[in-house]
Amino acid sequence: MQKYVHKKGTVSLERLIAEVKSLPDFYKAGAVAIFIGVVRGENFQGERVQKLEVEAYEEKANEVLLEICRELKARKGVVDVQIHHFSGEFNVGEDLVYVIVAGAHRENVFPVLKEAVERYKREAPIFKKEHVITKSGEVKAYWVSEKEI
């Protein structure tokens, strides 16, 4: 099975793009859209984020991400869909996830890119722990769900 959850620093966006461009069906593509999720420096509660820890139930997360990619790749005009999420400890501004969609036209890739992002956030067993400085200056760390961040 292809791996979609990686340790921080083990996969480069450039390598992933090169892999997509080397696919036998890439000649059908006229557009490649990329989403890069990064660590935000402030959460929705207005707290300053110092760092983020990301953990995953890797086996299940790989299965879920593979299924999302397979389903979305089956859409008309889509050549490839890849979702690569990193685990480990991250500072503000560091990359957490790459979502790549290649397709015939931008009309094919943009809706699929958005759906891929929404689905991985909702479906994949990937967990985030924020280390923050609260508005009152207290240093805290807590696990968050996508509904909270």
N, C-alpha and C. Protein backbone atom coordinates (compact mmCIF):
# COMPACT_ATOMS: atom_id res chain seq x y z
N MET A 1 0.84 -1.18 0.00
CA MET A 1 0.00 0.00 0.00
C MET A 1 0.89 1.24 0.00
N GLN A 2 0.46 2.25 -0.77
CA GLN A 2 1.20 3.50 -0.80
C GLN A 2 1.10 4.19 0.55
N LYS A 3 2.15 4.89 0.92
CA LYS A 3 2.19 5.58 2.20
C LYS A 3 1.77 7.03 2.02
N TYR A 4 0.87 7.49 2.89
CA TYR A 4 0.39 8.87 2.83
C TYR A 4 0.70 9.66 4.10
N VAL A 5 1.05 8.96 5.17
CA VAL A 5 1.46 9.62 6.41
C VAL A 5 2.97 9.42 6.52
N HIS A 6 3.69 10.52 6.69
CA HIS A 6 5.15 10.48 6.69
C HIS A 6 5.69 11.21 7.91
N LYS A 7 6.85 10.79 8.36
CA LYS A 7 7.55 11.53 9.41
C LYS A 7 8.00 12.87 8.82
N LYS A 8 7.99 13.89 9.64
CA LYS A 8 8.40 15.23 9.21
C LYS A 8 9.76 15.17 8.51
N GLY A 9 9.84 15.84 7.37
CA GLY A 9 11.10 15.97 6.67
C GLY A 9 11.49 14.82 5.76
N THR A 10 10.63 13.82 5.62
CA THR A 10 11.01 12.65 4.83
C THR A 10 10.55 12.71 3.38
N VAL A 11 9.69 13.66 3.04
CA VAL A 11 9.16 13.77 1.68
C VAL A 11 9.16 15.24 1.29
N SER A 12 9.60 15.51 0.07
CA SER A 12 9.60 16.90 -0.41
C SER A 12 8.47 17.11 -1.41
N LEU A 13 7.95 18.32 -1.43
CA LEU A 13 6.91 18.66 -2.40
C LEU A 13 7.44 18.50 -3.82
N GLU A 14 8.68 18.87 -4.03
CA GLU A 14 9.27 18.76 -5.37
C GLU A 14 9.27 17.31 -5.85
N ARG A 15 9.62 16.38 -4.94
CA ARG A 15 9.62 14.96 -5.32
C ARG A 15 8.21 14.49 -5.65
N LEU A 16 7.23 14.91 -4.86
CA LEU A 16 5.85 14.50 -5.11
C LEU A 16 5.35 15.02 -6.45
N ILE A 17 5.67 16.27 -6.76
CA ILE A 17 5.26 16.83 -8.05
C ILE A 17 5.93 16.07 -9.19
N ALA A 18 7.20 15.75 -9.03
CA ALA A 18 7.91 14.97 -10.06
C ALA A 18 7.26 13.61 -10.26
N GLU A 19 6.82 12.97 -9.16
CA GLU A 19 6.14 11.68 -9.27
C GLU A 19 4.84 11.82 -10.05
N VAL A 20 4.06 12.86 -9.76
CA VAL A 20 2.81 13.08 -10.48
C VAL A 20 3.09 13.28 -11.96
N LYS A 21 4.10 14.09 -12.27
CA LYS A 21 4.41 14.38 -13.67
C LYS A 21 4.97 13.17 -14.41
N SER A 22 5.45 12.17 -13.68
CA SER A 22 5.99 10.98 -14.33
C SER A 22 4.93 9.90 -14.57
N LEU A 23 3.71 10.13 -14.13
CA LEU A 23 2.65 9.14 -14.33
C LEU A 23 2.35 8.95 -15.81
N PRO A 24 2.03 7.73 -16.24
CA PRO A 24 1.74 7.48 -17.65
C PRO A 24 0.60 8.33 -18.21
N ASP A 25 -0.40 8.66 -17.38
CA ASP A 25 -1.55 9.45 -17.85
C ASP A 25 -1.36 10.95 -17.69
N PHE A 26 -0.19 11.38 -17.24
CA PHE A 26 -0.02 12.82 -17.00
C PHE A 26 -0.18 13.64 -18.27
N TYR A 27 0.02 13.05 -19.44
CA TYR A 27 -0.14 13.79 -20.69
C TYR A 27 -1.57 14.33 -20.83
N LYS A 28 -2.52 13.76 -20.09
CA LYS A 28 -3.92 14.23 -20.14
C LYS A 28 -4.13 15.47 -19.27
N ALA A 29 -3.15 15.81 -18.44
CA ALA A 29 -3.30 16.92 -17.49
C ALA A 29 -2.97 18.26 -18.13
N GLY A 30 -3.80 19.24 -17.82
CA GLY A 30 -3.53 20.62 -18.21
C GLY A 30 -3.44 21.53 -17.00
N ALA A 31 -3.62 20.92 -15.82
CA ALA A 31 -3.57 21.71 -14.58
C ALA A 31 -3.13 20.83 -13.42
N VAL A 32 -2.34 21.42 -12.54
CA VAL A 32 -1.97 20.78 -11.28
C VAL A 32 -2.22 21.82 -10.20
N ALA A 33 -3.04 21.44 -9.22
CA ALA A 33 -3.33 22.34 -8.09
C ALA A 33 -2.75 21.74 -6.83
N ILE A 34 -2.20 22.59 -5.98
CA ILE A 34 -1.53 22.12 -4.77
C ILE A 34 -2.03 22.92 -3.57
N PHE A 35 -2.35 22.20 -2.50
CA PHE A 35 -2.67 22.82 -1.21
C PHE A 35 -1.54 22.47 -0.26
N ILE A 36 -1.00 23.48 0.40
CA ILE A 36 0.03 23.26 1.42
C ILE A 36 -0.54 23.77 2.73
N GLY A 37 -0.78 22.85 3.65
CA GLY A 37 -1.24 23.24 4.98
C GLY A 37 -0.04 23.49 5.87
N VAL A 38 -0.02 24.63 6.55
CA VAL A 38 1.11 25.00 7.41
C VAL A 38 0.61 25.27 8.83
N VAL A 39 1.54 25.28 9.77
CA VAL A 39 1.20 25.57 11.17
C VAL A 39 0.90 27.06 11.29
N ARG A 40 -0.30 27.35 11.72
CA ARG A 40 -0.76 28.72 11.94
C ARG A 40 -0.22 29.22 13.28
N GLY A 41 0.15 30.48 13.36
CA GLY A 41 0.74 31.05 14.56
C GLY A 41 -0.26 31.50 15.60
N GLU A 42 -1.55 31.46 15.25
CA GLU A 42 -2.59 31.84 16.20
C GLU A 42 -3.79 30.93 15.97
N ASN A 43 -4.36 30.41 17.05
CA ASN A 43 -5.52 29.55 16.89
C ASN A 43 -6.80 30.38 16.90
N PHE A 44 -7.94 29.69 16.73
CA PHE A 44 -9.22 30.40 16.65
C PHE A 44 -9.61 31.08 17.96
N GLN A 45 -8.99 30.68 19.05
CA GLN A 45 -9.27 31.31 20.34
C GLN A 45 -8.39 32.55 20.55
N GLY A 46 -7.53 32.85 19.58
CA GLY A 46 -6.66 34.00 19.69
C GLY A 46 -5.40 33.75 20.50
N GLU A 47 -5.12 32.48 20.79
CA GLU A 47 -3.91 32.13 21.54
C GLU A 47 -2.73 32.01 20.58
N ARG A 48 -1.55 32.38 21.06
CA ARG A 48 -0.35 32.27 20.22
C ARG A 48 0.15 30.84 20.25
N VAL A 49 0.25 30.24 19.08
CA VAL A 49 0.73 28.86 18.96
C VAL A 49 2.25 28.88 18.95
N GLN A 50 2.85 28.06 19.81
CA GLN A 50 4.30 27.94 19.86
C GLN A 50 4.77 26.80 18.95
N LYS A 51 4.06 25.68 19.03
CA LYS A 51 4.39 24.54 18.18
C LYS A 51 3.17 23.63 18.13
N LEU A 52 3.24 22.65 17.24
CA LEU A 52 2.16 21.69 17.05
C LEU A 52 2.77 20.30 17.00
N GLU A 53 2.18 19.37 17.72
CA GLU A 53 2.56 17.96 17.64
C GLU A 53 1.48 17.25 16.83
N VAL A 54 1.90 16.42 15.89
CA VAL A 54 0.95 15.67 15.07
C VAL A 54 1.25 14.19 15.21
N GLU A 55 0.22 13.44 15.55
CA GLU A 55 0.30 11.98 15.64
C GLU A 55 -0.79 11.40 14.76
N ALA A 56 -0.56 10.18 14.31
CA ALA A 56 -1.55 9.51 13.48
C ALA A 56 -1.61 8.04 13.83
N TYR A 57 -2.79 7.48 13.68
CA TYR A 57 -2.96 6.03 13.68
C TYR A 57 -2.60 5.67 12.24
N GLU A 58 -1.29 5.45 12.01
CA GLU A 58 -0.75 5.43 10.64
C GLU A 58 -1.41 4.42 9.72
N GLU A 59 -1.58 3.20 10.17
CA GLU A 59 -2.15 2.18 9.29
C GLU A 59 -3.54 2.60 8.81
N LYS A 60 -4.38 3.01 9.73
CA LYS A 60 -5.74 3.42 9.37
C LYS A 60 -5.72 4.72 8.57
N ALA A 61 -4.89 5.67 8.96
CA ALA A 61 -4.80 6.94 8.23
C ALA A 61 -4.37 6.71 6.78
N ASN A 62 -3.40 5.82 6.57
CA ASN A 62 -2.98 5.50 5.20
C ASN A 62 -4.13 4.90 4.40
N GLU A 63 -4.91 4.01 5.03
CA GLU A 63 -6.07 3.41 4.35
C GLU A 63 -7.09 4.47 3.98
N VAL A 64 -7.40 5.36 4.92
CA VAL A 64 -8.40 6.40 4.68
C VAL A 64 -7.93 7.35 3.59
N LEU A 65 -6.70 7.80 3.66
CA LEU A 65 -6.18 8.73 2.65
C LEU A 65 -6.13 8.07 1.27
N LEU A 66 -5.74 6.80 1.22
CA LEU A 66 -5.74 6.07 -0.05
C LEU A 66 -7.14 6.02 -0.64
N GLU A 67 -8.14 5.72 0.18
CA GLU A 67 -9.52 5.62 -0.30
C GLU A 67 -10.03 6.98 -0.79
N ILE A 68 -9.73 8.04 -0.08
CA ILE A 68 -10.12 9.37 -0.54
C ILE A 68 -9.50 9.66 -1.90
N CYS A 69 -8.21 9.38 -2.04
CA CYS A 69 -7.51 9.61 -3.31
C CYS A 69 -8.11 8.78 -4.43
N ARG A 70 -8.39 7.51 -4.16
CA ARG A 70 -8.99 6.63 -5.19
C ARG A 70 -10.35 7.15 -5.65
N GLU A 71 -11.19 7.50 -4.68
CA GLU A 71 -12.53 7.99 -5.02
C GLU A 71 -12.47 9.27 -5.84
N LEU A 72 -11.63 10.19 -5.44
CA LEU A 72 -11.57 11.47 -6.15
C LEU A 72 -10.88 11.34 -7.50
N LYS A 73 -9.93 10.43 -7.60
CA LYS A 73 -9.24 10.22 -8.88
C LYS A 73 -10.20 9.67 -9.94
N ALA A 74 -11.26 9.02 -9.50
CA ALA A 74 -12.24 8.44 -10.44
C ALA A 74 -13.13 9.51 -11.08
N ARG A 75 -13.05 10.73 -10.62
CA ARG A 75 -13.88 11.81 -11.17
C ARG A 75 -13.44 12.14 -12.60
N LYS A 76 -14.41 12.60 -13.38
CA LYS A 76 -14.15 12.97 -14.77
C LYS A 76 -13.09 14.07 -14.83
N GLY A 77 -12.11 13.86 -15.69
CA GLY A 77 -11.08 14.85 -15.93
C GLY A 77 -9.96 14.89 -14.91
N VAL A 78 -9.98 13.98 -13.93
CA VAL A 78 -8.95 13.96 -12.90
C VAL A 78 -7.92 12.89 -13.24
N VAL A 79 -6.66 13.26 -13.24
CA VAL A 79 -5.57 12.34 -13.56
C VAL A 79 -4.99 11.71 -12.30
N ASP A 80 -4.80 12.51 -11.25
CA ASP A 80 -4.22 11.97 -10.02
C ASP A 80 -4.61 12.84 -8.83
N VAL A 81 -4.69 12.20 -7.67
CA VAL A 81 -4.93 12.89 -6.40
C VAL A 81 -3.99 12.27 -5.38
N GLN A 82 -3.26 13.12 -4.67
CA GLN A 82 -2.37 12.64 -3.61
C GLN A 82 -2.53 13.52 -2.37
N ILE A 83 -2.58 12.87 -1.21
CA ILE A 83 -2.64 13.57 0.07
C ILE A 83 -1.49 13.03 0.91
N HIS A 84 -0.59 13.90 1.32
CA HIS A 84 0.56 13.49 2.13
C HIS A 84 0.60 14.34 3.39
N HIS A 85 0.38 13.69 4.54
CA HIS A 85 0.36 14.39 5.82
C HIS A 85 1.59 13.99 6.62
N PHE A 86 2.14 14.93 7.35
CA PHE A 86 3.34 14.67 8.14
C PHE A 86 2.99 14.52 9.61
N SER A 87 3.81 13.74 10.30
CA SER A 87 3.68 13.59 11.75
C SER A 87 4.99 14.04 12.39
N GLY A 88 4.90 14.42 13.65
CA GLY A 88 6.07 14.89 14.37
C GLY A 88 5.78 16.20 15.06
N GLU A 89 6.83 16.95 15.33
CA GLU A 89 6.72 18.23 16.03
C GLU A 89 7.04 19.35 15.03
N PHE A 90 6.17 20.36 14.99
CA PHE A 90 6.28 21.41 13.97
C PHE A 90 6.25 22.80 14.60
N ASN A 91 7.05 23.67 14.04
CA ASN A 91 7.03 25.08 14.45
C ASN A 91 6.08 25.86 13.56
N VAL A 92 5.72 27.04 13.98
CA VAL A 92 4.85 27.91 13.20
C VAL A 92 5.45 28.12 11.81
N GLY A 93 4.61 27.98 10.79
CA GLY A 93 5.03 28.19 9.41
C GLY A 93 5.51 26.94 8.70
N GLU A 94 5.75 25.86 9.44
CA GLU A 94 6.23 24.64 8.79
C GLU A 94 5.08 23.90 8.10
N ASP A 95 5.42 23.19 7.02
CA ASP A 95 4.44 22.42 6.25
C ASP A 95 3.97 21.21 7.03
N LEU A 96 2.63 20.99 7.01
CA LEU A 96 2.00 19.83 7.66
C LEU A 96 1.45 18.83 6.66
N VAL A 97 0.95 19.34 5.53
CA VAL A 97 0.26 18.47 4.58
C VAL A 97 0.39 19.04 3.17
N TYR A 98 0.50 18.12 2.21
CA TYR A 98 0.46 18.47 0.80
C TYR A 98 -0.69 17.71 0.16
N VAL A 99 -1.53 18.43 -0.56
CA VAL A 99 -2.59 17.80 -1.35
C VAL A 99 -2.35 18.23 -2.79
N ILE A 100 -2.23 17.26 -3.68
CA ILE A 100 -1.92 17.53 -5.08
C ILE A 100 -3.00 16.90 -5.95
N VAL A 101 -3.54 17.70 -6.86
CA VAL A 101 -4.54 17.19 -7.80
C VAL A 101 -4.12 17.60 -9.20
N ALA A 102 -4.04 16.61 -10.09
CA ALA A 102 -3.74 16.86 -11.50
C ALA A 102 -4.98 16.49 -12.30
N GLY A 103 -5.29 17.31 -13.30
CA GLY A 103 -6.46 17.03 -14.11
C GLY A 103 -6.41 17.76 -15.43
N ALA A 104 -7.42 17.49 -16.24
CA ALA A 104 -7.47 18.04 -17.58
C ALA A 104 -7.56 19.56 -17.58
N HIS A 105 -8.39 20.11 -16.71
CA HIS A 105 -8.63 21.56 -16.68
C HIS A 105 -8.76 22.03 -15.24
N ARG A 106 -8.62 23.34 -15.03
CA ARG A 106 -8.77 23.87 -13.67
C ARG A 106 -10.15 23.57 -13.11
N GLU A 107 -11.16 23.52 -13.98
CA GLU A 107 -12.52 23.21 -13.52
C GLU A 107 -12.60 21.80 -12.94
N ASN A 108 -11.70 20.92 -13.36
CA ASN A 108 -11.65 19.56 -12.82
C ASN A 108 -10.89 19.51 -11.50
N VAL A 109 -9.82 20.30 -11.38
CA VAL A 109 -8.95 20.13 -10.22
C VAL A 109 -9.35 20.93 -8.98
N PHE A 110 -9.84 22.15 -9.14
CA PHE A 110 -10.12 22.96 -7.95
C PHE A 110 -11.19 22.38 -7.04
N PRO A 111 -12.34 21.92 -7.57
CA PRO A 111 -13.34 21.32 -6.66
C PRO A 111 -12.82 20.06 -5.98
N VAL A 112 -12.04 19.27 -6.69
CA VAL A 112 -11.48 18.04 -6.11
C VAL A 112 -10.45 18.38 -5.04
N LEU A 113 -9.65 19.40 -5.27
CA LEU A 113 -8.68 19.82 -4.27
C LEU A 113 -9.39 20.22 -2.98
N LYS A 114 -10.43 21.02 -3.09
CA LYS A 114 -11.18 21.46 -1.91
C LYS A 114 -11.79 20.26 -1.19
N GLU A 115 -12.40 19.35 -1.93
CA GLU A 115 -13.01 18.18 -1.31
C GLU A 115 -11.97 17.29 -0.64
N ALA A 116 -10.82 17.12 -1.27
CA ALA A 116 -9.76 16.30 -0.68
C ALA A 116 -9.32 16.88 0.67
N VAL A 117 -9.16 18.20 0.73
CA VAL A 117 -8.75 18.85 1.98
C VAL A 117 -9.82 18.66 3.05
N GLU A 118 -11.07 18.92 2.69
CA GLU A 118 -12.16 18.79 3.67
C GLU A 118 -12.28 17.35 4.17
N ARG A 119 -12.13 16.40 3.28
CA ARG A 119 -12.30 15.00 3.67
C ARG A 119 -11.15 14.49 4.52
N TYR A 120 -9.91 14.83 4.19
CA TYR A 120 -8.82 14.32 5.03
C TYR A 120 -8.94 14.89 6.43
N LYS A 121 -9.35 16.15 6.55
CA LYS A 121 -9.49 16.76 7.87
C LYS A 121 -10.59 16.06 8.68
N ARG A 122 -11.63 15.65 8.00
CA ARG A 122 -12.79 15.04 8.66
C ARG A 122 -12.62 13.55 8.91
N GLU A 123 -11.96 12.84 8.00
CA GLU A 123 -11.99 11.37 8.01
C GLU A 123 -10.73 10.69 8.52
N ALA A 124 -9.58 11.29 8.33
CA ALA A 124 -8.33 10.60 8.67
C ALA A 124 -8.04 10.68 10.17
N PRO A 125 -7.62 9.57 10.78
CA PRO A 125 -7.28 9.59 12.21
C PRO A 125 -5.89 10.20 12.45
N ILE A 126 -5.86 11.52 12.32
CA ILE A 126 -4.64 12.30 12.52
C ILE A 126 -4.97 13.32 13.61
N PHE A 127 -4.10 13.38 14.61
CA PHE A 127 -4.41 14.14 15.82
C PHE A 127 -3.36 15.21 16.07
N LYS A 128 -3.83 16.38 16.53
CA LYS A 128 -2.95 17.54 16.71
C LYS A 128 -3.00 18.02 18.16
N LYS A 129 -1.82 18.31 18.68
CA LYS A 129 -1.70 18.88 20.02
C LYS A 129 -1.05 20.25 19.89
N GLU A 130 -1.79 21.28 20.29
CA GLU A 130 -1.27 22.64 20.23
C GLU A 130 -0.55 23.00 21.53
N HIS A 131 0.59 23.61 21.38
CA HIS A 131 1.32 24.19 22.50
C HIS A 131 1.16 25.70 22.32
N VAL A 132 0.48 26.34 23.28
CA VAL A 132 0.09 27.73 23.11
C VAL A 132 0.48 28.59 24.31
N ILE A 133 0.44 29.89 24.07
CA ILE A 133 0.48 30.87 25.15
C ILE A 133 -0.89 31.54 25.13
N THR A 134 -1.62 31.38 26.22
CA THR A 134 -2.98 31.93 26.29
C THR A 134 -2.94 33.45 26.35
N LYS A 135 -4.11 34.06 26.21
CA LYS A 135 -4.20 35.52 26.27
C LYS A 135 -3.74 36.06 27.62
N SER A 136 -3.86 35.22 28.65
CA SER A 136 -3.42 35.65 29.99
C SER A 136 -1.94 35.36 30.24
N GLY A 137 -1.26 34.78 29.22
CA GLY A 137 0.17 34.51 29.33
C GLY A 137 0.54 33.13 29.83
N GLU A 138 -0.47 32.30 30.08
CA GLU A 138 -0.23 30.94 30.57
C GLU A 138 0.22 30.03 29.42
N VAL A 139 1.20 29.18 29.68
CA VAL A 139 1.66 28.20 28.69
C VAL A 139 0.84 26.93 28.88
N LYS A 140 0.20 26.47 27.80
CA LYS A 140 -0.66 25.28 27.86
C LYS A 140 -0.42 24.41 26.63
N ALA A 141 -0.81 23.15 26.76
CA ALA A 141 -0.79 22.23 25.62
C ALA A 141 -2.04 21.38 25.71
N TYR A 142 -2.71 21.20 24.57
CA TYR A 142 -3.92 20.37 24.57
C TYR A 142 -4.19 19.82 23.18
N TRP A 143 -4.83 18.65 23.18
CA TRP A 143 -5.24 18.02 21.93
C TRP A 143 -6.46 18.76 21.40
N VAL A 144 -6.49 18.95 20.09
CA VAL A 144 -7.60 19.69 19.48
C VAL A 144 -8.23 18.86 18.39
N SER A 145 -9.50 19.13 18.14
CA SER A 145 -10.17 18.50 17.00
C SER A 145 -10.28 19.55 15.91
N GLU A 146 -10.59 19.12 14.70
CA GLU A 146 -10.72 20.07 13.58
C GLU A 146 -11.83 21.08 13.86
N LYS A 147 -12.82 20.71 14.63
CA LYS A 147 -13.92 21.62 14.93
C LYS A 147 -13.45 22.77 15.81
N GLU A 148 -12.37 22.55 16.55
CA GLU A 148 -11.88 23.57 17.47
C GLU A 148 -10.82 24.47 16.86
N ILE A 149 -10.15 24.02 15.78
CA ILE A 149 -9.04 24.83 15.26
C ILE A 149 -9.38 25.55 13.99
